[in-house]
PDB file of N, CA and C in Angstrom:
ATOM      1  N   MET A   1      53.557 127.288 120.047  1.00  0.00           N
ATOM      2  CA  MET A   1      52.791 126.249 119.415  1.00  0.00           C
ATOM      3  C   MET A   1      53.627 125.653 118.288  1.00  0.00           C
ATOM      4  N   GLU A   2      53.459 124.355 118.089  1.00  0.00           N
ATOM      5  CA  GLU A   2      54.213 123.639 117.061  1.00  0.00           C
ATOM      6  C   GLU A   2      53.253 123.068 116.029  1.00  0.00           C
ATOM      7  N   GLY A   3      53.665 123.085 114.771  1.00  0.00           N
ATOM      8  CA  GLY A   3      52.869 122.513 113.696  1.00  0.00           C
ATOM      9  C   GLY A   3      53.758 121.954 112.610  1.00  0.00           C
ATOM     10  N   VAL A   4      53.133 121.246 111.675  1.00  0.00           N
ATOM     11  CA  VAL A   4      53.861 120.617 110.577  1.00  0.00           C
ATOM     12  C   VAL A   4      53.335 121.164 109.257  1.00  0.00           C
ATOM     13  N   VAL A   5      54.239 121.528 108.365  1.00  0.00           N
ATOM     14  CA  VAL A   5      53.843 122.015 107.043  1.00  0.00           C
ATOM     15  C   VAL A   5      53.208 120.851 106.277  1.00  0.00           C
ATOM     16  N   ARG A   6      51.954 121.030 105.859  1.00  0.00           N
ATOM     17  CA  ARG A   6      51.217 119.995 105.135  1.00  0.00           C
ATOM     18  C   ARG A   6      51.085 120.278 103.643  1.00  0.00           C
ATOM     19  N   LEU A   7      50.989 121.554 103.300  1.00  0.00           N
ATOM     20  CA  LEU A   7      50.857 121.946 101.890  1.00  0.00           C
ATOM     21  C   LEU A   7      51.763 123.142 101.628  1.00  0.00           C
ATOM     22  N   ALA A   8      52.254 123.230 100.395  1.00  0.00           N
ATOM     23  CA  ALA A   8      53.140 124.334 100.042  1.00  0.00           C
ATOM     24  C   ALA A   8      52.904 124.767  98.606  1.00  0.00           C
ATOM     25  N   ASN A   9      52.971 126.067  98.387  1.00  0.00           N
ATOM     26  CA  ASN A   9      52.965 126.633  97.049  1.00  0.00           C
ATOM     27  C   ASN A   9      54.115 127.642  96.995  1.00  0.00           C
ATOM     28  N   PRO A  10      55.328 127.152  96.758  1.00  0.00           N
ATOM     29  CA  PRO A  10      56.493 128.042  96.765  1.00  0.00           C
ATOM     30  C   PRO A  10      56.407 129.176  95.744  1.00  0.00           C
ATOM     31  N   ASP A  11      55.642 128.973  94.664  1.00  0.00           N
ATOM     32  CA  ASP A  11      55.507 130.024  93.650  1.00  0.00           C
ATOM     33  C   ASP A  11      54.824 131.270  94.217  1.00  0.00           C
ATOM     34  N   THR A  12      53.852 131.060  95.116  1.00  0.00           N
ATOM     35  CA  THR A  12      53.135 132.187  95.724  1.00  0.00           C
ATOM     36  C   THR A  12      53.642 132.499  97.122  1.00  0.00           C
ATOM     37  N   GLY A  13      54.474 131.620  97.684  1.00  0.00           N
ATOM     38  CA  GLY A  13      54.971 131.817  99.042  1.00  0.00           C
ATOM     39  C   GLY A  13      53.966 131.462 100.113  1.00  0.00           C
ATOM     40  N   LEU A  14      52.927 130.693  99.748  1.00  0.00           N
ATOM     41  CA  LEU A  14      51.890 130.309 100.704  1.00  0.00           C
ATOM     42  C   LEU A  14      52.114 128.892 101.214  1.00  0.00           C
ATOM     43  N   PHE A  15      51.868 128.710 102.514  1.00  0.00           N
ATOM     44  CA  PHE A  15      52.076 127.421 103.158  1.00  0.00           C
ATOM     45  C   PHE A  15      50.947 127.137 104.132  1.00  0.00           C
ATOM     46  N   VAL A  16      50.639 125.856 104.318  1.00  0.00           N
ATOM     47  CA  VAL A  16      49.624 125.425 105.270  1.00  0.00           C
ATOM     48  C   VAL A  16      50.312 124.599 106.341  1.00  0.00           C
ATOM     49  N   VAL A  17      50.118 125.010 107.594  1.00  0.00           N
ATOM     50  CA  VAL A  17      50.694 124.313 108.738  1.00  0.00           C
ATOM     51  C   VAL A  17      49.558 123.728 109.574  1.00  0.00           C
ATOM     52  N   GLU A  18      49.627 122.426 109.825  1.00  0.00           N
ATOM     53  CA  GLU A  18      48.628 121.789 110.682  1.00  0.00           C
ATOM     54  C   GLU A  18      49.012 122.023 112.132  1.00  0.00           C
ATOM     55  N   ILE A  19      48.090 122.640 112.882  1.00  0.00           N
ATOM     56  CA  ILE A  19      48.297 122.839 114.309  1.00  0.00           C
ATOM     57  C   ILE A  19      47.292 121.965 115.054  1.00  0.00           C
ATOM     58  N   GLU A  20      47.155 122.119 116.353  1.00  0.00           N
ATOM     59  CA  GLU A  20      46.361 121.222 117.184  1.00  0.00           C
ATOM     60  C   GLU A  20      44.983 120.895 116.626  1.00  0.00           C
ATOM     61  N   ASP A  21      44.179 121.892 116.338  1.00  0.00           N
ATOM     62  CA  ASP A  21      42.811 121.644 115.903  1.00  0.00           C
ATOM     63  C   ASP A  21      42.407 122.505 114.715  1.00  0.00           C
ATOM     64  N   ALA A  22      43.397 122.923 113.936  1.00  0.00           N
ATOM     65  CA  ALA A  22      43.125 123.806 112.803  1.00  0.00           C
ATOM     66  C   ALA A  22      44.324 123.796 111.851  1.00  0.00           C
ATOM     67  N   PHE A  23      44.226 124.658 110.847  1.00  0.00           N
ATOM     68  CA  PHE A  23      45.292 124.815 109.865  1.00  0.00           C
ATOM     69  C   PHE A  23      45.586 126.296 109.716  1.00  0.00           C
ATOM     70  N   THR A  24      46.852 126.648 109.808  1.00  0.00           N
ATOM     71  CA  THR A  24      47.286 128.032 109.636  1.00  0.00           C
ATOM     72  C   THR A  24      47.845 128.199 108.236  1.00  0.00           C
ATOM     73  N   VAL A  25      47.366 129.227 107.544  1.00  0.00           N
ATOM     74  CA  VAL A  25      47.870 129.545 106.212  1.00  0.00           C
ATOM     75  C   VAL A  25      48.713 130.807 106.335  1.00  0.00           C
ATOM     76  N   PHE A  26      49.987 130.703 105.956  1.00  0.00           N
ATOM     77  CA  PHE A  26      50.834 131.891 106.025  1.00  0.00           C
ATOM     78  C   PHE A  26      51.577 132.109 104.722  1.00  0.00           C
ATOM     79  N   GLU A  27      52.026 133.358 104.566  1.00  0.00           N
ATOM     80  CA  GLU A  27      52.803 133.769 103.402  1.00  0.00           C
ATOM     81  C   GLU A  27      54.171 134.211 103.892  1.00  0.00           C
ATOM     82  N   THR A  28      55.189 133.907 103.090  1.00  0.00           N
ATOM     83  CA  THR A  28      56.547 134.311 103.455  1.00  0.00           C
ATOM     84  C   THR A  28      57.375 134.599 102.206  1.00  0.00           C
ATOM     85  N   PRO A  29      58.287 135.566 102.299  1.00  0.00           N
ATOM     86  CA  PRO A  29      59.213 135.790 101.188  1.00  0.00           C
ATOM     87  C   PRO A  29      60.320 134.729 101.159  1.00  0.00           C
ATOM     88  N   ASP A  30      60.417 133.933 102.226  1.00  0.00           N
ATOM     89  CA  ASP A  30      61.455 132.908 102.334  1.00  0.00           C
ATOM     90  C   ASP A  30      60.942 131.540 101.886  1.00  0.00           C
ATOM     91  N   ALA A  31      60.167 131.518 100.817  1.00  0.00           N
ATOM     92  CA  ALA A  31      59.490 130.295 100.378  1.00  0.00           C
ATOM     93  C   ALA A  31      60.435 129.146 100.082  1.00  0.00           C
ATOM     94  N   ASP A  32      61.623 129.440  99.603  1.00  0.00           N
ATOM     95  CA  ASP A  32      62.560 128.370  99.254  1.00  0.00           C
ATOM     96  C   ASP A  32      63.204 127.737 100.488  1.00  0.00           C
ATOM     97  N   GLU A  33      62.899 128.258 101.681  1.00  0.00           N
ATOM     98  CA  GLU A  33      63.463 127.730 102.919  1.00  0.00           C
ATOM     99  C   GLU A  33      62.521 126.756 103.634  1.00  0.00           C
ATOM    100  N   ILE A  34      61.331 126.509 103.062  1.00  0.00           N
ATOM    101  CA  ILE A  34      60.325 125.688 103.739  1.00  0.00           C
ATOM    102  C   ILE A  34      59.897 124.545 102.826  1.00  0.00           C
ATOM    103  N   GLU A  35      59.727 123.362 103.416  1.00  0.00           N
ATOM    104  CA  GLU A  35      59.273 122.186 102.668  1.00  0.00           C
ATOM    105  C   GLU A  35      58.166 121.485 103.444  1.00  0.00           C
ATOM    106  N   CYS A  36      57.349 120.720 102.744  1.00  0.00           N
ATOM    107  CA  CYS A  36      56.336 119.900 103.405  1.00  0.00           C
ATOM    108  C   CYS A  36      57.038 118.962 104.383  1.00  0.00           C
ATOM    109  N   GLY A  37      56.457 118.842 105.570  1.00  0.00           N
ATOM    110  CA  GLY A  37      57.039 118.007 106.609  1.00  0.00           C
ATOM    111  C   GLY A  37      57.883 118.772 107.610  1.00  0.00           C
ATOM    112  N   ASP A  38      58.268 120.013 107.281  1.00  0.00           N
ATOM    113  CA  ASP A  38      59.049 120.813 108.221  1.00  0.00           C
ATOM    114  C   ASP A  38      58.223 121.102 109.479  1.00  0.00           C
ATOM    115  N   VAL A  39      58.895 121.125 110.614  1.00  0.00           N
ATOM    116  CA  VAL A  39      58.265 121.446 111.890  1.00  0.00           C
ATOM    117  C   VAL A  39      58.461 122.934 112.152  1.00  0.00           C
ATOM    118  N   ILE A  40      57.342 123.644 112.311  1.00  0.00           N
ATOM    119  CA  ILE A  40      57.338 125.089 112.496  1.00  0.00           C
ATOM    120  C   ILE A  40      56.866 125.408 113.916  1.00  0.00           C
ATOM    121  N   VAL A  41      57.556 126.322 114.586  1.00  0.00           N
ATOM    122  CA  VAL A  41      57.203 126.713 115.946  1.00  0.00           C
ATOM    123  C   VAL A  41      56.972 128.218 115.986  1.00  0.00           C
ATOM    124  N   GLY A  42      55.914 128.621 116.670  1.00  0.00           N
ATOM    125  CA  GLY A  42      55.619 130.043 116.816  1.00  0.00           C
ATOM    126  C   GLY A  42      54.189 130.236 117.244  1.00  0.00           C
ATOM    127  N   ASN A  43      53.739 131.456 117.197  1.00  0.00           N
ATOM    128  CA  ASN A  43      52.372 131.804 117.588  1.00  0.00           C
ATOM    129  C   ASN A  43      51.434 131.542 116.414  1.00  0.00           C
ATOM    130  N   LEU A  44      51.344 130.280 116.019  1.00  0.00           N
ATOM    131  CA  LEU A  44      50.616 129.889 114.807  1.00  0.00           C
ATOM    132  C   LEU A  44      49.098 129.962 114.936  1.00  0.00           C
ATOM    133  N   ASP A  45      48.604 130.191 116.137  1.00  0.00           N
ATOM    134  CA  ASP A  45      47.162 130.298 116.335  1.00  0.00           C
ATOM    135  C   ASP A  45      46.716 131.752 116.481  1.00  0.00           C
ATOM    136  N   SER A  46      47.528 132.676 115.988  1.00  0.00           N
ATOM    137  CA  SER A  46      47.208 134.096 116.076  1.00  0.00           C
ATOM    138  C   SER A  46      47.551 134.798 114.772  1.00  0.00           C
ATOM    139  N   THR A  47      46.650 135.633 114.309  1.00  0.00           N
ATOM    140  CA  THR A  47      46.907 136.374 113.069  1.00  0.00           C
ATOM    141  C   THR A  47      47.877 137.526 113.279  1.00  0.00           C
ATOM    142  N   THR A  48      48.318 137.754 114.510  1.00  0.00           N
ATOM    143  CA  THR A  48      49.292 138.813 114.760  1.00  0.00           C
ATOM    144  C   THR A  48      50.732 138.299 114.713  1.00  0.00           C
ATOM    145  N   CYS A  49      50.903 137.005 114.488  1.00  0.00           N
ATOM    146  CA  CYS A  49      52.245 136.415 114.418  1.00  0.00           C
ATOM    147  C   CYS A  49      52.986 136.994 113.211  1.00  0.00           C
ATOM    148  N   ASP A  50      54.254 137.393 113.418  1.00  0.00           N
ATOM    149  CA  ASP A  50      55.021 137.937 112.295  1.00  0.00           C
ATOM    150  C   ASP A  50      56.329 137.200 112.038  1.00  0.00           C
ATOM    151  N   SER A  51      56.627 136.202 112.866  1.00  0.00           N
ATOM    152  CA  SER A  51      57.789 135.364 112.587  1.00  0.00           C
ATOM    153  C   SER A  51      57.591 134.011 113.266  1.00  0.00           C
ATOM    154  N   VAL A  52      58.197 133.000 112.673  1.00  0.00           N
ATOM    155  CA  VAL A  52      58.146 131.641 113.204  1.00  0.00           C
ATOM    156  C   VAL A  52      59.552 131.064 113.139  1.00  0.00           C
ATOM    157  N   PHE A  53      59.723 129.893 113.734  1.00  0.00           N
ATOM    158  CA  PHE A  53      61.010 129.235 113.700  1.00  0.00           C
ATOM    159  C   PHE A  53      60.839 127.877 113.043  1.00  0.00           C
ATOM    160  N   ASN A  54      61.643 127.599 112.042  1.00  0.00           N
ATOM    161  CA  ASN A  54      61.612 126.313 111.357  1.00  0.00           C
ATOM    162  C   ASN A  54      62.599 125.386 112.069  1.00  0.00           C
ATOM    163  N   ASN A  55      62.066 124.515 112.932  1.00  0.00           N
ATOM    164  CA  ASN A  55      62.927 123.594 113.678  1.00  0.00           C
ATOM    165  C   ASN A  55      63.675 122.648 112.751  1.00  0.00           C
ATOM    166  N   SER A  56      63.068 122.286 111.648  1.00  0.00           N
ATOM    167  CA  SER A  56      63.692 121.344 110.723  1.00  0.00           C
ATOM    168  C   SER A  56      64.922 121.925 110.045  1.00  0.00           C
ATOM    169  N   LYS A  57      64.937 123.243 109.865  1.00  0.00           N
ATOM    170  CA  LYS A  57      66.058 123.912 109.196  1.00  0.00           C
ATOM    171  C   LYS A  57      66.856 124.798 110.143  1.00  0.00           C
ATOM    172  N   ASP A  58      66.409 124.891 111.416  1.00  0.00           N
ATOM    173  CA  ASP A  58      67.085 125.673 112.436  1.00  0.00           C
ATOM    174  C   ASP A  58      67.235 127.135 112.015  1.00  0.00           C
ATOM    175  N   GLN A  59      66.079 127.752 111.607  1.00  0.00           N
ATOM    176  CA  GLN A  59      66.153 129.144 111.199  1.00  0.00           C
ATOM    177  C   GLN A  59      64.836 129.875 111.439  1.00  0.00           C
ATOM    178  N   ALA A  60      64.952 131.161 111.697  1.00  0.00           N
ATOM    179  CA  ALA A  60      63.786 132.031 111.860  1.00  0.00           C
ATOM    180  C   ALA A  60      63.277 132.442 110.483  1.00  0.00           C
ATOM    181  N   ILE A  61      61.949 132.600 110.384  1.00  0.00           N
ATOM    182  CA  ILE A  61      61.331 132.963 109.106  1.00  0.00           C
ATOM    183  C   ILE A  61      60.286 134.047 109.361  1.00  0.00           C
ATOM    184  N   ASP A  62      60.329 135.113 108.574  1.00  0.00           N
ATOM    185  CA  ASP A  62      59.306 136.156 108.630  1.00  0.00           C
ATOM    186  C   ASP A  62      58.073 135.665 107.901  1.00  0.00           C
ATOM    187  N   VAL A  63      56.897 135.849 108.529  1.00  0.00           N
ATOM    188  CA  VAL A  63      55.655 135.379 107.925  1.00  0.00           C
ATOM    189  C   VAL A  63      54.546 136.409 108.091  1.00  0.00           C
ATOM    190  N   TYR A  64      53.536 136.257 107.254  1.00  0.00           N
ATOM    191  CA  TYR A  64      52.275 136.977 107.395  1.00  0.00           C
ATOM    192  C   TYR A  64      51.193 135.910 107.458  1.00  0.00           C
ATOM    193  N   ILE A  65      50.492 135.813 108.599  1.00  0.00           N
ATOM    194  CA  ILE A  65      49.429 134.817 108.746  1.00  0.00           C
ATOM    195  C   ILE A  65      48.223 135.299 107.954  1.00  0.00           C
ATOM    196  N   ARG A  66      47.855 134.543 106.932  1.00  0.00           N
ATOM    197  CA  ARG A  66      46.705 134.899 106.097  1.00  0.00           C
ATOM    198  C   ARG A  66      45.386 134.537 106.773  1.00  0.00           C
ATOM    199  N   ASP A  67      45.346 133.321 107.373  1.00  0.00           N
ATOM    200  CA  ASP A  67      44.092 132.869 107.986  1.00  0.00           C
ATOM    201  C   ASP A  67      44.360 131.623 108.813  1.00  0.00           C
ATOM    202  N   ILE A  68      43.412 131.317 109.674  1.00  0.00           N
ATOM    203  CA  ILE A  68      43.411 130.080 110.452  1.00  0.00           C
ATOM    204  C   ILE A  68      42.061 129.438 110.200  1.00  0.00           C
ATOM    205  N   VAL A  69      42.074 128.239 109.629  1.00  0.00           N
ATOM    206  CA  VAL A  69      40.837 127.584 109.216  1.00  0.00           C
ATOM    207  C   VAL A  69      40.731 126.206 109.856  1.00  0.00           C
ATOM    208  N   ALA A  70      39.506 125.676 109.869  1.00  0.00           N
ATOM    209  CA  ALA A  70      39.234 124.420 110.580  1.00  0.00           C
ATOM    210  C   ALA A  70      39.572 123.167 109.782  1.00  0.00           C
ATOM    211  N   THR A  71      39.546 123.256 108.449  1.00  0.00           N
ATOM    212  CA  THR A  71      39.717 122.041 107.656  1.00  0.00           C
ATOM    213  C   THR A  71      40.831 122.184 106.625  1.00  0.00           C
ATOM    214  N   LEU A  72      41.370 121.047 106.237  1.00  0.00           N
ATOM    215  CA  LEU A  72      42.410 121.043 105.217  1.00  0.00           C
ATOM    216  C   LEU A  72      41.856 121.524 103.879  1.00  0.00           C
ATOM    217  N   SER A  73      40.624 121.173 103.569  1.00  0.00           N
ATOM    218  CA  SER A  73      40.035 121.610 102.296  1.00  0.00           C
ATOM    219  C   SER A  73      39.886 123.138 102.238  1.00  0.00           C
ATOM    220  N   ALA A  74      39.554 123.751 103.354  1.00  0.00           N
ATOM    221  CA  ALA A  74      39.479 125.222 103.396  1.00  0.00           C
ATOM    222  C   ALA A  74      40.863 125.838 103.214  1.00  0.00           C
ATOM    223  N   ALA A  75      41.870 125.215 103.800  1.00  0.00           N
ATOM    224  CA  ALA A  75      43.249 125.690 103.639  1.00  0.00           C
ATOM    225  C   ALA A  75      43.708 125.527 102.188  1.00  0.00           C
ATOM    226  N   GLU A  76      43.347 124.408 101.565  1.00  0.00           N
ATOM    227  CA  GLU A  76      43.703 124.175 100.148  1.00  0.00           C
ATOM    228  C   GLU A  76      43.099 125.257  99.262  1.00  0.00           C
ATOM    229  N   ALA A  77      41.857 125.649  99.562  1.00  0.00           N
ATOM    230  CA  ALA A  77      41.198 126.688  98.776  1.00  0.00           C
ATOM    231  C   ALA A  77      41.952 128.016  98.886  1.00  0.00           C
ATOM    232  N   LEU A  78      42.413 128.358 100.087  1.00  0.00           N
ATOM    233  CA  LEU A  78      43.202 129.582 100.253  1.00  0.00           C
ATOM    234  C   LEU A  78      44.528 129.501  99.525  1.00  0.00           C
ATOM    235  N   LEU A  79      45.139 128.326  99.553  1.00  0.00           N
ATOM    236  CA  LEU A  79      46.432 128.127  98.904  1.00  0.00           C
ATOM    237  C   LEU A  79      46.319 128.300  97.387  1.00  0.00           C
ATOM    238  N   SER A  80      45.203 127.845  96.836  1.00  0.00           N
ATOM    239  CA  SER A  80      45.020 127.920  95.394  1.00  0.00           C
ATOM    240  C   SER A  80      44.375 129.227  94.940  1.00  0.00           C
ATOM    241  N   GLY A  81      43.978 130.074  95.897  1.00  0.00           N
ATOM    242  CA  GLY A  81      43.386 131.367  95.562  1.00  0.00           C
ATOM    243  C   GLY A  81      41.908 131.336  95.271  1.00  0.00           C
ATOM    244  N   GLU A  82      41.252 130.257  95.637  1.00  0.00           N
ATOM    245  CA  GLU A  82      39.801 130.151  95.394  1.00  0.00           C
ATOM    246  C   GLU A  82      39.009 130.892  96.443  1.00  0.00           C
TER     247      GLU A  82
END
């Protein structure tokens, strides 16, 4: 599955990726390697995903999927810790 990074909080390592009909929120120690607009490929619709590929930077990234939510506002709340 492919998605685009829509929101980022590099300080916490949390990112929101827009996928087909939802938003995936993941955490990574490689926060400085990801930017808004990057194209991410991987099993983004599963909470068991542990790595993705950043097509924009041509590199693999270790991730922890925090949640998959239906709306951008719900993803923003997770990103901000609300």
